[in-house]
Amino acid sequence: MKYITNLTQAAVAVATVSSLAIFSASTAAAEPVSLIALDDFSKVSGELLAYEDGIYLIRTALGDLRVKASSVECEGSACPVNEAGANVNS
């Protein structure tokens, strides 16, 4: 139960839900990733559905979440990279 509570708090802390934003599933493959808050307090894992305009769209056990890339570090082979080959928020 504590895990669910922490996961819920993490999702609320790092998720930016916007009903106006539309993400394309073709932007990123639906592969597993972990988004770790920069303060190392929270971690959300799920399938990366898209990355657009600095926002991850990730499918979790709690539903689809939109998370600002500037507030997390992405771990996993599906994480988007910049021109230098580094994680987009490195």
N, C-alpha and C. Protein backbone atom coordinates (compact mmCIF):
# COMPACT_ATOMS: atom_id res chain seq x y z
N MET A 1 0.83 -1.20 0.00
CA MET A 1 0.00 0.00 0.00
C MET A 1 0.88 1.26 0.00
N LYS A 2 1.99 1.22 0.75
CA LYS A 2 2.87 2.38 0.80
C LYS A 2 3.44 2.68 -0.59
N TYR A 3 3.74 1.61 -1.37
CA TYR A 3 4.25 1.79 -2.73
C TYR A 3 3.25 2.53 -3.59
N ILE A 4 1.99 2.13 -3.52
CA ILE A 4 0.94 2.79 -4.30
C ILE A 4 0.81 4.25 -3.90
N THR A 5 0.86 4.53 -2.59
CA THR A 5 0.78 5.90 -2.10
C THR A 5 1.94 6.72 -2.63
N ASN A 6 3.18 6.17 -2.55
CA ASN A 6 4.34 6.90 -3.05
C ASN A 6 4.27 7.09 -4.55
N LEU A 7 3.80 6.07 -5.26
CA LEU A 7 3.68 6.18 -6.70
C LEU A 7 2.65 7.23 -7.08
N THR A 8 1.55 7.27 -6.34
CA THR A 8 0.53 8.29 -6.58
C THR A 8 1.08 9.68 -6.32
N GLN A 9 1.81 9.84 -5.22
CA GLN A 9 2.41 11.13 -4.90
C GLN A 9 3.42 11.53 -5.97
N ALA A 10 4.20 10.55 -6.45
CA ALA A 10 5.19 10.83 -7.48
C ALA A 10 4.50 11.28 -8.76
N ALA A 11 3.43 10.59 -9.11
CA ALA A 11 2.72 10.94 -10.33
C ALA A 11 2.14 12.35 -10.23
N VAL A 12 1.60 12.70 -9.08
CA VAL A 12 1.04 14.03 -8.88
C VAL A 12 2.15 15.06 -8.86
N ALA A 13 3.30 14.72 -8.26
CA ALA A 13 4.40 15.67 -8.14
C ALA A 13 5.04 15.99 -9.47
N VAL A 14 5.20 14.99 -10.34
CA VAL A 14 5.94 15.23 -11.58
C VAL A 14 5.08 15.27 -12.83
N ALA A 15 3.83 14.93 -12.73
CA ALA A 15 2.98 14.88 -13.93
C ALA A 15 2.34 16.23 -14.21
N THR A 16 2.33 16.60 -15.45
CA THR A 16 1.62 17.78 -15.90
C THR A 16 0.55 17.30 -16.86
N VAL A 17 -0.68 17.27 -16.36
CA VAL A 17 -1.77 16.75 -17.17
C VAL A 17 -2.38 17.90 -17.96
N SER A 18 -2.45 17.70 -19.25
CA SER A 18 -3.03 18.72 -20.11
C SER A 18 -4.00 18.08 -21.09
N SER A 19 -5.24 18.39 -20.95
CA SER A 19 -6.23 17.79 -21.86
C SER A 19 -6.16 18.44 -23.24
N LEU A 20 -5.46 19.55 -23.38
CA LEU A 20 -5.37 20.22 -24.67
C LEU A 20 -4.25 19.69 -25.54
N ALA A 21 -3.26 19.03 -24.93
CA ALA A 21 -2.12 18.52 -25.69
C ALA A 21 -2.48 17.20 -26.33
N ILE A 22 -2.06 17.05 -27.57
CA ILE A 22 -2.29 15.80 -28.29
C ILE A 22 -0.93 15.24 -28.68
N PHE A 23 -0.71 13.97 -28.26
CA PHE A 23 0.56 13.34 -28.54
C PHE A 23 0.37 12.23 -29.55
N SER A 24 1.31 12.07 -30.43
CA SER A 24 1.26 11.02 -31.44
C SER A 24 2.00 9.79 -30.93
N ALA A 25 1.36 8.63 -30.96
CA ALA A 25 1.99 7.39 -30.52
C ALA A 25 3.16 7.02 -31.42
N SER A 26 3.21 7.58 -32.62
CA SER A 26 4.32 7.27 -33.52
C SER A 26 5.58 8.04 -33.15
N THR A 27 5.50 9.00 -32.23
CA THR A 27 6.67 9.77 -31.84
C THR A 27 7.70 8.90 -31.14
N ALA A 28 7.27 7.95 -30.36
CA ALA A 28 8.18 7.05 -29.65
C ALA A 28 7.55 5.68 -29.60
N ALA A 29 8.41 4.67 -29.57
CA ALA A 29 7.91 3.31 -29.45
C ALA A 29 7.38 3.08 -28.04
N ALA A 30 6.39 2.22 -27.91
CA ALA A 30 5.83 1.91 -26.59
C ALA A 30 6.73 0.89 -25.92
N GLU A 31 7.83 1.36 -25.36
CA GLU A 31 8.81 0.52 -24.68
C GLU A 31 8.94 0.98 -23.24
N PRO A 32 9.35 0.07 -22.35
CA PRO A 32 9.44 0.43 -20.93
C PRO A 32 10.55 1.44 -20.64
N VAL A 33 10.21 2.40 -19.80
CA VAL A 33 11.17 3.40 -19.30
C VAL A 33 10.86 3.68 -17.84
N SER A 34 11.80 4.30 -17.17
CA SER A 34 11.58 4.80 -15.81
C SER A 34 11.90 6.28 -15.82
N LEU A 35 11.01 7.08 -15.25
CA LEU A 35 11.24 8.52 -15.10
C LEU A 35 11.53 8.77 -13.63
N ILE A 36 12.73 9.26 -13.36
CA ILE A 36 13.18 9.46 -11.99
C ILE A 36 13.25 10.95 -11.72
N ALA A 37 12.55 11.39 -10.67
CA ALA A 37 12.55 12.81 -10.32
C ALA A 37 13.97 13.26 -10.01
N LEU A 38 14.30 14.48 -10.39
CA LEU A 38 15.65 14.99 -10.20
C LEU A 38 16.07 15.03 -8.74
N ASP A 39 15.10 15.05 -7.83
CA ASP A 39 15.44 15.02 -6.40
C ASP A 39 15.60 13.58 -5.88
N ASP A 40 15.52 12.58 -6.79
CA ASP A 40 15.63 11.16 -6.47
C ASP A 40 14.58 10.67 -5.49
N PHE A 41 13.51 11.43 -5.29
CA PHE A 41 12.47 11.06 -4.34
C PHE A 41 11.42 10.16 -4.98
N SER A 42 11.18 10.34 -6.25
CA SER A 42 10.08 9.65 -6.91
C SER A 42 10.55 8.97 -8.18
N LYS A 43 9.88 7.86 -8.51
CA LYS A 43 10.17 7.13 -9.74
C LYS A 43 8.86 6.59 -10.29
N VAL A 44 8.64 6.82 -11.59
CA VAL A 44 7.45 6.31 -12.27
C VAL A 44 7.94 5.47 -13.44
N SER A 45 7.41 4.26 -13.55
CA SER A 45 7.80 3.37 -14.64
C SER A 45 6.58 3.01 -15.48
N GLY A 46 6.83 2.80 -16.75
CA GLY A 46 5.76 2.42 -17.65
C GLY A 46 6.25 2.41 -19.09
N GLU A 47 5.33 2.39 -20.02
CA GLU A 47 5.65 2.38 -21.44
C GLU A 47 5.67 3.80 -21.98
N LEU A 48 6.77 4.17 -22.62
CA LEU A 48 6.87 5.49 -23.23
C LEU A 48 6.05 5.47 -24.52
N LEU A 49 5.02 6.28 -24.55
CA LEU A 49 4.16 6.38 -25.73
C LEU A 49 4.60 7.48 -26.67
N ALA A 50 5.11 8.59 -26.11
CA ALA A 50 5.51 9.72 -26.94
C ALA A 50 6.42 10.65 -26.15
N TYR A 51 7.19 11.44 -26.89
CA TYR A 51 7.96 12.55 -26.33
C TYR A 51 7.81 13.70 -27.30
N GLU A 52 7.26 14.81 -26.81
CA GLU A 52 7.02 15.96 -27.68
C GLU A 52 7.06 17.24 -26.85
N ASP A 53 7.75 18.25 -27.36
CA ASP A 53 7.81 19.57 -26.71
C ASP A 53 8.24 19.49 -25.25
N GLY A 54 9.20 18.61 -24.96
CA GLY A 54 9.73 18.52 -23.60
C GLY A 54 8.81 17.81 -22.61
N ILE A 55 7.88 17.02 -23.12
CA ILE A 55 6.95 16.30 -22.24
C ILE A 55 6.91 14.83 -22.65
N TYR A 56 7.08 13.96 -21.66
CA TYR A 56 6.93 12.52 -21.88
C TYR A 56 5.47 12.15 -21.70
N LEU A 57 4.98 11.24 -22.54
CA LEU A 57 3.68 10.62 -22.33
C LEU A 57 3.99 9.17 -22.01
N ILE A 58 3.64 8.74 -20.80
CA ILE A 58 3.98 7.41 -20.32
C ILE A 58 2.73 6.70 -19.82
N ARG A 59 2.58 5.45 -20.21
CA ARG A 59 1.44 4.63 -19.76
C ARG A 59 1.89 3.86 -18.53
N THR A 60 1.22 4.08 -17.40
CA THR A 60 1.54 3.42 -16.14
C THR A 60 0.35 2.60 -15.67
N ALA A 61 0.54 1.91 -14.56
CA ALA A 61 -0.55 1.15 -13.95
C ALA A 61 -1.66 2.08 -13.49
N LEU A 62 -1.35 3.35 -13.27
CA LEU A 62 -2.33 4.35 -12.83
C LEU A 62 -3.01 5.05 -13.99
N GLY A 63 -2.57 4.76 -15.21
CA GLY A 63 -3.11 5.43 -16.38
C GLY A 63 -2.02 6.17 -17.13
N ASP A 64 -2.40 6.93 -18.13
CA ASP A 64 -1.44 7.70 -18.92
C ASP A 64 -1.10 8.99 -18.19
N LEU A 65 0.20 9.28 -18.12
CA LEU A 65 0.68 10.48 -17.44
C LEU A 65 1.52 11.30 -18.40
N ARG A 66 1.44 12.60 -18.27
CA ARG A 66 2.31 13.52 -18.99
C ARG A 66 3.26 14.12 -17.96
N VAL A 67 4.56 14.02 -18.25
CA VAL A 67 5.58 14.42 -17.29
C VAL A 67 6.56 15.36 -17.97
N LYS A 68 6.84 16.50 -17.34
CA LYS A 68 7.81 17.45 -17.87
C LYS A 68 9.21 16.83 -17.84
N ALA A 69 9.87 16.82 -18.97
CA ALA A 69 11.22 16.25 -19.06
C ALA A 69 12.21 17.00 -18.18
N SER A 70 11.97 18.27 -17.97
CA SER A 70 12.90 19.08 -17.17
C SER A 70 12.89 18.70 -15.69
N SER A 71 11.89 17.90 -15.26
CA SER A 71 11.80 17.55 -13.84
C SER A 71 12.21 16.11 -13.56
N VAL A 72 12.59 15.35 -14.61
CA VAL A 72 12.94 13.95 -14.43
C VAL A 72 14.13 13.56 -15.29
N GLU A 73 14.70 12.41 -14.97
CA GLU A 73 15.71 11.78 -15.80
C GLU A 73 15.09 10.50 -16.34
N CYS A 74 15.25 10.26 -17.62
CA CYS A 74 14.66 9.08 -18.25
C CYS A 74 15.70 7.97 -18.31
N GLU A 75 15.30 6.76 -17.91
CA GLU A 75 16.17 5.59 -18.00
C GLU A 75 15.46 4.53 -18.83
N GLY A 76 16.18 3.96 -19.78
CA GLY A 76 15.63 2.91 -20.63
C GLY A 76 16.03 3.14 -22.07
N SER A 77 16.00 2.09 -22.85
CA SER A 77 16.44 2.19 -24.24
C SER A 77 15.52 3.03 -25.10
N ALA A 78 14.29 3.26 -24.68
CA ALA A 78 13.34 4.05 -25.46
C ALA A 78 13.43 5.54 -25.17
N CYS A 79 14.28 5.94 -24.24
CA CYS A 79 14.41 7.36 -23.90
C CYS A 79 14.94 8.13 -25.11
N PRO A 80 14.33 9.28 -25.41
CA PRO A 80 14.80 10.08 -26.54
C PRO A 80 16.19 10.65 -26.28
N VAL A 81 16.96 10.85 -27.34
CA VAL A 81 18.30 11.41 -27.22
C VAL A 81 18.42 12.67 -28.07
N ASN A 82 19.38 13.53 -27.71
CA ASN A 82 19.61 14.75 -28.48
C ASN A 82 20.64 14.48 -29.57
N GLU A 83 21.04 15.51 -30.28
CA GLU A 83 21.99 15.35 -31.39
C GLU A 83 23.32 14.76 -30.96
N ALA A 84 23.73 15.01 -29.71
CA ALA A 84 25.00 14.51 -29.20
C ALA A 84 24.89 13.06 -28.71
N GLY A 85 23.68 12.49 -28.77
CA GLY A 85 23.49 11.12 -28.33
C GLY A 85 23.22 10.98 -26.86
N ALA A 86 23.04 12.11 -26.16
CA ALA A 86 22.78 12.08 -24.72
C ALA A 86 21.27 12.14 -24.48
N ASN A 87 20.84 11.69 -23.31
CA ASN A 87 19.45 11.79 -22.92
C ASN A 87 19.00 13.23 -23.08
N VAL A 88 17.78 13.48 -23.54
CA VAL A 88 17.33 14.83 -23.87
C VAL A 88 17.42 15.80 -22.70
N ASN A 89 17.34 15.34 -21.50
CA ASN A 89 17.40 16.26 -20.36
C ASN A 89 18.71 16.14 -19.61
N SER A 90 19.78 15.67 -20.30
CA SER A 90 21.10 15.61 -19.69
C SER A 90 21.83 16.91 -19.91
